Amino acid sequence: MKINYTIDAYETLIGLLDFIESHNSQGAAIRWFDRYEKYLKKILINGSQQRVCNNATFYKLKLRCIYFNDWVIAFSIHENFILIEVLLHTTFVALRPKAQKVPQSGPLKLQA
C-alpha cells in the first residue's frame, strides 16, 4: 500500500532528518530514515488493525497511531493509500484521560 504525507507531516519529517544529520555523523539521517521506512512498511501492512489514537484531538478525527522511537505517527486509512497526517514527538502529545468510575450515591453517613 502506498504511503502519503500531509504537508505538515512531510515538513516535520524533513526537519527531523535535517536535525539528525546536523547532530550526528554523516549519513545518520539516511540510516534513521531507512529504519523508519522499514518499520512503516512492516506495521502499516495491517494498518486497519492499529488502534485509534489515545489523544483527544486525534481520537475525534479517528486517526490511528503508531510509535517509532519517541515519535507518534498519526495516520488515516484510505482506499488506495495510507496518509501520515501527523508526525509528533511524544513530549507534545497529551493522552485522553481514562474514564473514571463515579461512585454510586447513597445516603451520607456522618461520623462524629
N, C-alpha and C. Protein backbone atom coordinates (compact mmCIF):
# COMPACT_ATOMS: atom_id res chain seq x y z
N MET A 1 0.84 -1.18 0.00
CA MET A 1 0.00 0.00 0.00
C MET A 1 0.89 1.24 0.00
N LYS A 2 0.47 2.23 -0.75
CA LYS A 2 1.23 3.47 -0.87
C LYS A 2 1.08 4.31 0.40
N ILE A 3 2.15 4.99 0.79
CA ILE A 3 2.14 5.87 1.96
C ILE A 3 2.34 7.30 1.48
N ASN A 4 1.39 8.17 1.84
CA ASN A 4 1.47 9.59 1.52
C ASN A 4 1.57 10.39 2.81
N TYR A 5 1.96 11.66 2.68
CA TYR A 5 2.12 12.55 3.83
C TYR A 5 1.33 13.84 3.60
N THR A 6 0.79 14.39 4.69
CA THR A 6 0.27 15.75 4.60
C THR A 6 1.49 16.66 4.51
N ILE A 7 1.29 17.90 4.11
CA ILE A 7 2.41 18.84 4.01
C ILE A 7 3.06 19.03 5.38
N ASP A 8 2.26 19.17 6.44
CA ASP A 8 2.83 19.36 7.79
C ASP A 8 3.66 18.16 8.24
N ALA A 9 3.14 16.97 8.01
CA ALA A 9 3.87 15.76 8.41
C ALA A 9 5.17 15.63 7.62
N TYR A 10 5.11 15.95 6.34
CA TYR A 10 6.30 15.87 5.49
C TYR A 10 7.36 16.90 5.94
N GLU A 11 6.92 18.11 6.23
CA GLU A 11 7.86 19.14 6.69
C GLU A 11 8.48 18.76 8.03
N THR A 12 7.70 18.15 8.91
CA THR A 12 8.23 17.68 10.19
C THR A 12 9.29 16.61 9.96
N LEU A 13 9.01 15.68 9.06
CA LEU A 13 9.96 14.61 8.75
C LEU A 13 11.26 15.19 8.19
N ILE A 14 11.17 16.12 7.26
CA ILE A 14 12.37 16.74 6.68
C ILE A 14 13.16 17.49 7.77
N GLY A 15 12.47 18.22 8.62
CA GLY A 15 13.13 18.93 9.72
C GLY A 15 13.83 17.97 10.66
N LEU A 16 13.18 16.86 10.96
CA LEU A 16 13.78 15.85 11.83
C LEU A 16 15.04 15.26 11.20
N LEU A 17 14.97 14.95 9.92
CA LEU A 17 16.13 14.39 9.23
C LEU A 17 17.28 15.40 9.19
N ASP A 18 16.97 16.66 8.96
CA ASP A 18 18.00 17.71 8.99
C ASP A 18 18.65 17.79 10.37
N PHE A 19 17.82 17.72 11.42
CA PHE A 19 18.35 17.77 12.78
C PHE A 19 19.26 16.57 13.06
N ILE A 20 18.80 15.38 12.70
CA ILE A 20 19.59 14.17 12.93
C ILE A 20 20.94 14.27 12.22
N GLU A 21 20.92 14.71 10.99
CA GLU A 21 22.16 14.79 10.21
C GLU A 21 23.11 15.84 10.79
N SER A 22 22.57 16.95 11.27
CA SER A 22 23.43 18.03 11.77
C SER A 22 24.01 17.73 13.15
N HIS A 23 23.42 16.80 13.89
CA HIS A 23 23.89 16.50 15.24
C HIS A 23 24.55 15.13 15.37
N ASN A 24 24.75 14.46 14.27
CA ASN A 24 25.33 13.11 14.30
C ASN A 24 26.33 12.96 13.16
N SER A 25 26.83 11.77 13.00
CA SER A 25 27.80 11.52 11.93
C SER A 25 27.13 11.57 10.57
N GLN A 26 27.95 11.80 9.56
CA GLN A 26 27.42 11.89 8.20
C GLN A 26 26.68 10.60 7.83
N GLY A 27 25.52 10.75 7.26
CA GLY A 27 24.71 9.60 6.86
C GLY A 27 23.74 9.12 7.94
N ALA A 28 23.77 9.76 9.11
CA ALA A 28 22.89 9.33 10.21
C ALA A 28 21.41 9.48 9.84
N ALA A 29 21.08 10.54 9.14
CA ALA A 29 19.68 10.77 8.76
C ALA A 29 19.19 9.69 7.80
N ILE A 30 20.05 9.28 6.87
CA ILE A 30 19.66 8.23 5.92
C ILE A 30 19.47 6.91 6.65
N ARG A 31 20.35 6.60 7.60
CA ARG A 31 20.22 5.36 8.36
C ARG A 31 18.92 5.38 9.18
N TRP A 32 18.63 6.51 9.82
CA TRP A 32 17.40 6.63 10.61
C TRP A 32 16.19 6.47 9.70
N PHE A 33 16.21 7.14 8.55
CA PHE A 33 15.09 7.07 7.61
C PHE A 33 14.88 5.65 7.09
N ASP A 34 15.96 4.92 6.84
CA ASP A 34 15.84 3.53 6.39
C ASP A 34 15.12 2.68 7.44
N ARG A 35 15.50 2.85 8.71
CA ARG A 35 14.84 2.11 9.79
C ARG A 35 13.37 2.51 9.90
N TYR A 36 13.11 3.79 9.78
CA TYR A 36 11.74 4.34 9.83
C TYR A 36 10.88 3.75 8.71
N GLU A 37 11.38 3.75 7.49
CA GLU A 37 10.63 3.20 6.36
C GLU A 37 10.35 1.71 6.52
N LYS A 38 11.34 0.95 6.97
CA LYS A 38 11.14 -0.48 7.19
C LYS A 38 10.06 -0.72 8.23
N TYR A 39 10.10 0.09 9.30
CA TYR A 39 9.10 -0.03 10.36
C TYR A 39 7.71 0.26 9.81
N LEU A 40 7.57 1.36 9.04
CA LEU A 40 6.26 1.70 8.48
C LEU A 40 5.73 0.60 7.58
N LYS A 41 6.57 0.09 6.71
CA LYS A 41 6.13 -0.97 5.79
C LYS A 41 5.69 -2.21 6.54
N LYS A 42 6.39 -2.53 7.60
CA LYS A 42 6.05 -3.72 8.40
C LYS A 42 4.73 -3.51 9.15
N ILE A 43 4.58 -2.38 9.82
CA ILE A 43 3.41 -2.14 10.66
C ILE A 43 2.17 -1.78 9.85
N LEU A 44 2.34 -0.99 8.80
CA LEU A 44 1.18 -0.49 8.08
C LEU A 44 0.59 -1.47 7.07
N ILE A 45 1.20 -2.64 6.94
CA ILE A 45 0.57 -3.68 6.11
C ILE A 45 -0.82 -3.97 6.65
N ASN A 46 -0.94 -3.98 7.97
CA ASN A 46 -2.23 -4.19 8.64
C ASN A 46 -2.62 -2.92 9.40
N GLY A 47 -2.58 -1.78 8.73
CA GLY A 47 -2.85 -0.50 9.39
C GLY A 47 -4.22 -0.43 10.02
N SER A 48 -5.19 -1.09 9.44
CA SER A 48 -6.55 -1.04 10.00
C SER A 48 -6.64 -1.75 11.34
N GLN A 49 -5.65 -2.55 11.67
CA GLN A 49 -5.65 -3.25 12.96
C GLN A 49 -5.07 -2.38 14.07
N GLN A 50 -4.49 -1.24 13.72
CA GLN A 50 -3.94 -0.35 14.73
C GLN A 50 -5.08 0.39 15.43
N ARG A 51 -4.88 0.66 16.70
CA ARG A 51 -5.90 1.33 17.50
C ARG A 51 -6.05 2.80 17.09
N VAL A 52 -7.24 3.33 17.37
CA VAL A 52 -7.44 4.76 17.22
C VAL A 52 -6.60 5.43 18.30
N CYS A 53 -6.04 6.58 17.98
CA CYS A 53 -5.12 7.28 18.89
C CYS A 53 -5.76 7.56 20.24
N ASN A 54 -4.93 7.57 21.26
CA ASN A 54 -5.37 7.86 22.61
C ASN A 54 -5.07 9.32 22.96
N ASN A 55 -5.34 10.20 22.04
CA ASN A 55 -5.20 11.64 22.21
C ASN A 55 -6.54 12.23 21.81
N ALA A 56 -7.05 13.16 22.60
CA ALA A 56 -8.42 13.64 22.38
C ALA A 56 -8.65 14.16 20.96
N THR A 57 -7.73 14.97 20.45
CA THR A 57 -7.90 15.54 19.11
C THR A 57 -7.81 14.46 18.05
N PHE A 58 -6.78 13.63 18.12
CA PHE A 58 -6.60 12.57 17.14
C PHE A 58 -7.76 11.58 17.20
N TYR A 59 -8.25 11.32 18.41
CA TYR A 59 -9.36 10.40 18.61
C TYR A 59 -10.61 10.91 17.90
N LYS A 60 -10.90 12.20 18.06
CA LYS A 60 -12.08 12.79 17.41
C LYS A 60 -11.97 12.70 15.89
N LEU A 61 -10.74 12.80 15.39
CA LEU A 61 -10.52 12.72 13.95
C LEU A 61 -10.42 11.27 13.45
N LYS A 62 -10.52 10.32 14.39
CA LYS A 62 -10.44 8.89 14.09
C LYS A 62 -9.10 8.50 13.45
N LEU A 63 -8.04 9.18 13.89
CA LEU A 63 -6.70 8.84 13.40
C LEU A 63 -6.17 7.65 14.20
N ARG A 64 -5.39 6.85 13.56
CA ARG A 64 -4.74 5.71 14.21
C ARG A 64 -3.30 6.11 14.49
N CYS A 65 -2.75 5.55 15.56
CA CYS A 65 -1.39 5.94 15.95
C CYS A 65 -0.47 4.74 16.09
N ILE A 66 0.74 4.95 15.68
CA ILE A 66 1.83 4.01 15.95
C ILE A 66 2.98 4.85 16.49
N TYR A 67 3.92 4.18 17.10
CA TYR A 67 5.05 4.87 17.71
C TYR A 67 6.35 4.34 17.12
N PHE A 68 7.22 5.27 16.78
CA PHE A 68 8.55 4.92 16.30
C PHE A 68 9.54 5.72 17.13
N ASN A 69 10.32 5.03 17.93
CA ASN A 69 11.22 5.68 18.90
C ASN A 69 10.38 6.63 19.75
N ASP A 70 10.70 7.91 19.76
CA ASP A 70 9.95 8.88 20.56
C ASP A 70 8.94 9.67 19.73
N TRP A 71 8.53 9.11 18.61
CA TRP A 71 7.65 9.82 17.69
C TRP A 71 6.30 9.13 17.56
N VAL A 72 5.25 9.93 17.58
CA VAL A 72 3.90 9.44 17.33
C VAL A 72 3.61 9.69 15.85
N ILE A 73 3.15 8.67 15.19
CA ILE A 73 2.78 8.77 13.78
C ILE A 73 1.28 8.54 13.72
N ALA A 74 0.53 9.61 13.46
CA ALA A 74 -0.93 9.52 13.36
C ALA A 74 -1.30 9.45 11.89
N PHE A 75 -2.13 8.48 11.55
CA PHE A 75 -2.44 8.26 10.14
C PHE A 75 -3.90 7.90 9.94
N SER A 76 -4.33 8.05 8.71
CA SER A 76 -5.67 7.63 8.31
C SER A 76 -5.54 6.65 7.16
N ILE A 77 -6.54 5.81 7.03
CA ILE A 77 -6.52 4.77 6.01
C ILE A 77 -7.54 5.13 4.92
N HIS A 78 -7.07 5.08 3.70
CA HIS A 78 -7.91 5.39 2.54
C HIS A 78 -7.94 4.16 1.63
N GLU A 79 -8.74 4.21 0.61
CA GLU A 79 -8.91 3.03 -0.23
C GLU A 79 -7.61 2.53 -0.84
N ASN A 80 -6.79 3.43 -1.38
CA ASN A 80 -5.56 3.01 -2.07
C ASN A 80 -4.27 3.47 -1.42
N PHE A 81 -4.38 4.10 -0.26
CA PHE A 81 -3.17 4.61 0.39
C PHE A 81 -3.39 4.85 1.87
N ILE A 82 -2.30 5.02 2.56
CA ILE A 82 -2.32 5.43 3.97
C ILE A 82 -1.76 6.84 4.00
N LEU A 83 -2.41 7.72 4.74
CA LEU A 83 -1.98 9.11 4.82
C LEU A 83 -1.41 9.38 6.21
N ILE A 84 -0.11 9.66 6.26
CA ILE A 84 0.51 10.09 7.51
C ILE A 84 0.08 11.54 7.71
N GLU A 85 -0.74 11.76 8.72
CA GLU A 85 -1.31 13.08 8.93
C GLU A 85 -0.49 13.92 9.89
N VAL A 86 0.10 13.26 10.88
CA VAL A 86 0.86 13.98 11.89
C VAL A 86 2.07 13.14 12.29
N LEU A 87 3.20 13.80 12.41
CA LEU A 87 4.42 13.21 12.96
C LEU A 87 4.82 14.13 14.10
N LEU A 88 4.71 13.64 15.34
CA LEU A 88 4.85 14.50 16.50
C LEU A 88 5.65 13.80 17.59
N HIS A 89 6.56 14.55 18.20
CA HIS A 89 7.35 13.97 19.30
C HIS A 89 6.42 13.69 20.48
N THR A 90 6.67 12.60 21.18
CA THR A 90 5.76 12.17 22.25
C THR A 90 5.64 13.20 23.37
N THR A 91 6.64 14.06 23.56
CA THR A 91 6.54 15.06 24.63
C THR A 91 5.45 16.09 24.35
N PHE A 92 4.98 16.16 23.11
CA PHE A 92 3.95 17.13 22.74
C PHE A 92 2.56 16.52 22.63
N VAL A 93 2.42 15.27 23.00
CA VAL A 93 1.14 14.58 22.84
C VAL A 93 0.53 14.33 24.22
N ALA A 94 -0.66 14.88 24.41
CA ALA A 94 -1.39 14.62 25.65
C ALA A 94 -2.36 13.48 25.40
N LEU A 95 -2.38 12.53 26.31
CA LEU A 95 -3.28 11.39 26.18
C LEU A 95 -4.65 11.73 26.73
N ARG A 96 -5.66 11.07 26.19
CA ARG A 96 -7.01 11.23 26.70
C ARG A 96 -7.07 10.69 28.12
N PRO A 97 -7.71 11.39 29.03
CA PRO A 97 -7.85 10.83 30.37
C PRO A 97 -8.75 9.60 30.32
N LYS A 98 -8.40 8.61 31.11
CA LYS A 98 -9.22 7.40 31.17
C LYS A 98 -10.51 7.71 31.90
N ALA A 99 -11.54 7.03 31.50
CA ALA A 99 -12.83 7.23 32.16
C ALA A 99 -12.72 6.79 33.61
N GLN A 100 -13.22 7.62 34.48
CA GLN A 100 -13.18 7.29 35.90
C GLN A 100 -14.55 6.83 36.35
N LYS A 101 -14.54 5.85 37.25
CA LYS A 101 -15.80 5.35 37.78
C LYS A 101 -16.34 6.36 38.78
N VAL A 102 -17.60 6.66 38.63
CA VAL A 102 -18.25 7.57 39.56
C VAL A 102 -18.94 6.73 40.61
N PRO A 103 -18.62 6.99 41.88
CA PRO A 103 -19.25 6.18 42.92
C PRO A 103 -20.76 6.41 42.93
N GLN A 104 -21.47 5.33 43.20
CA GLN A 104 -22.92 5.44 43.28
C GLN A 104 -23.27 6.24 44.53
N SER A 105 -24.24 7.13 44.36
CA SER A 105 -24.60 7.93 45.52
C SER A 105 -25.58 7.16 46.40
N GLY A 106 -25.45 7.40 47.62
CA GLY A 106 -26.32 6.79 48.61
C GLY A 106 -26.45 7.76 49.77
N PRO A 107 -27.07 7.34 50.82
CA PRO A 107 -27.24 8.26 51.94
C PRO A 107 -25.88 8.62 52.54
N LEU A 108 -25.72 9.87 52.88
CA LEU A 108 -24.49 10.34 53.52
C LEU A 108 -24.48 9.87 54.96
N LYS A 109 -23.32 9.41 55.37
CA LYS A 109 -23.15 8.99 56.75
C LYS A 109 -22.08 9.88 57.36
N LEU A 110 -22.45 10.58 58.36
CA LEU A 110 -21.50 11.45 59.04
C LEU A 110 -20.95 10.73 60.25
N GLN A 111 -19.69 10.86 60.43
CA GLN A 111 -19.07 10.26 61.61
C GLN A 111 -18.75 11.36 62.59
N ALA A 112 -19.02 11.10 63.85
CA ALA A 112 -18.76 12.10 64.89
C ALA A 112 -17.35 11.99 65.39
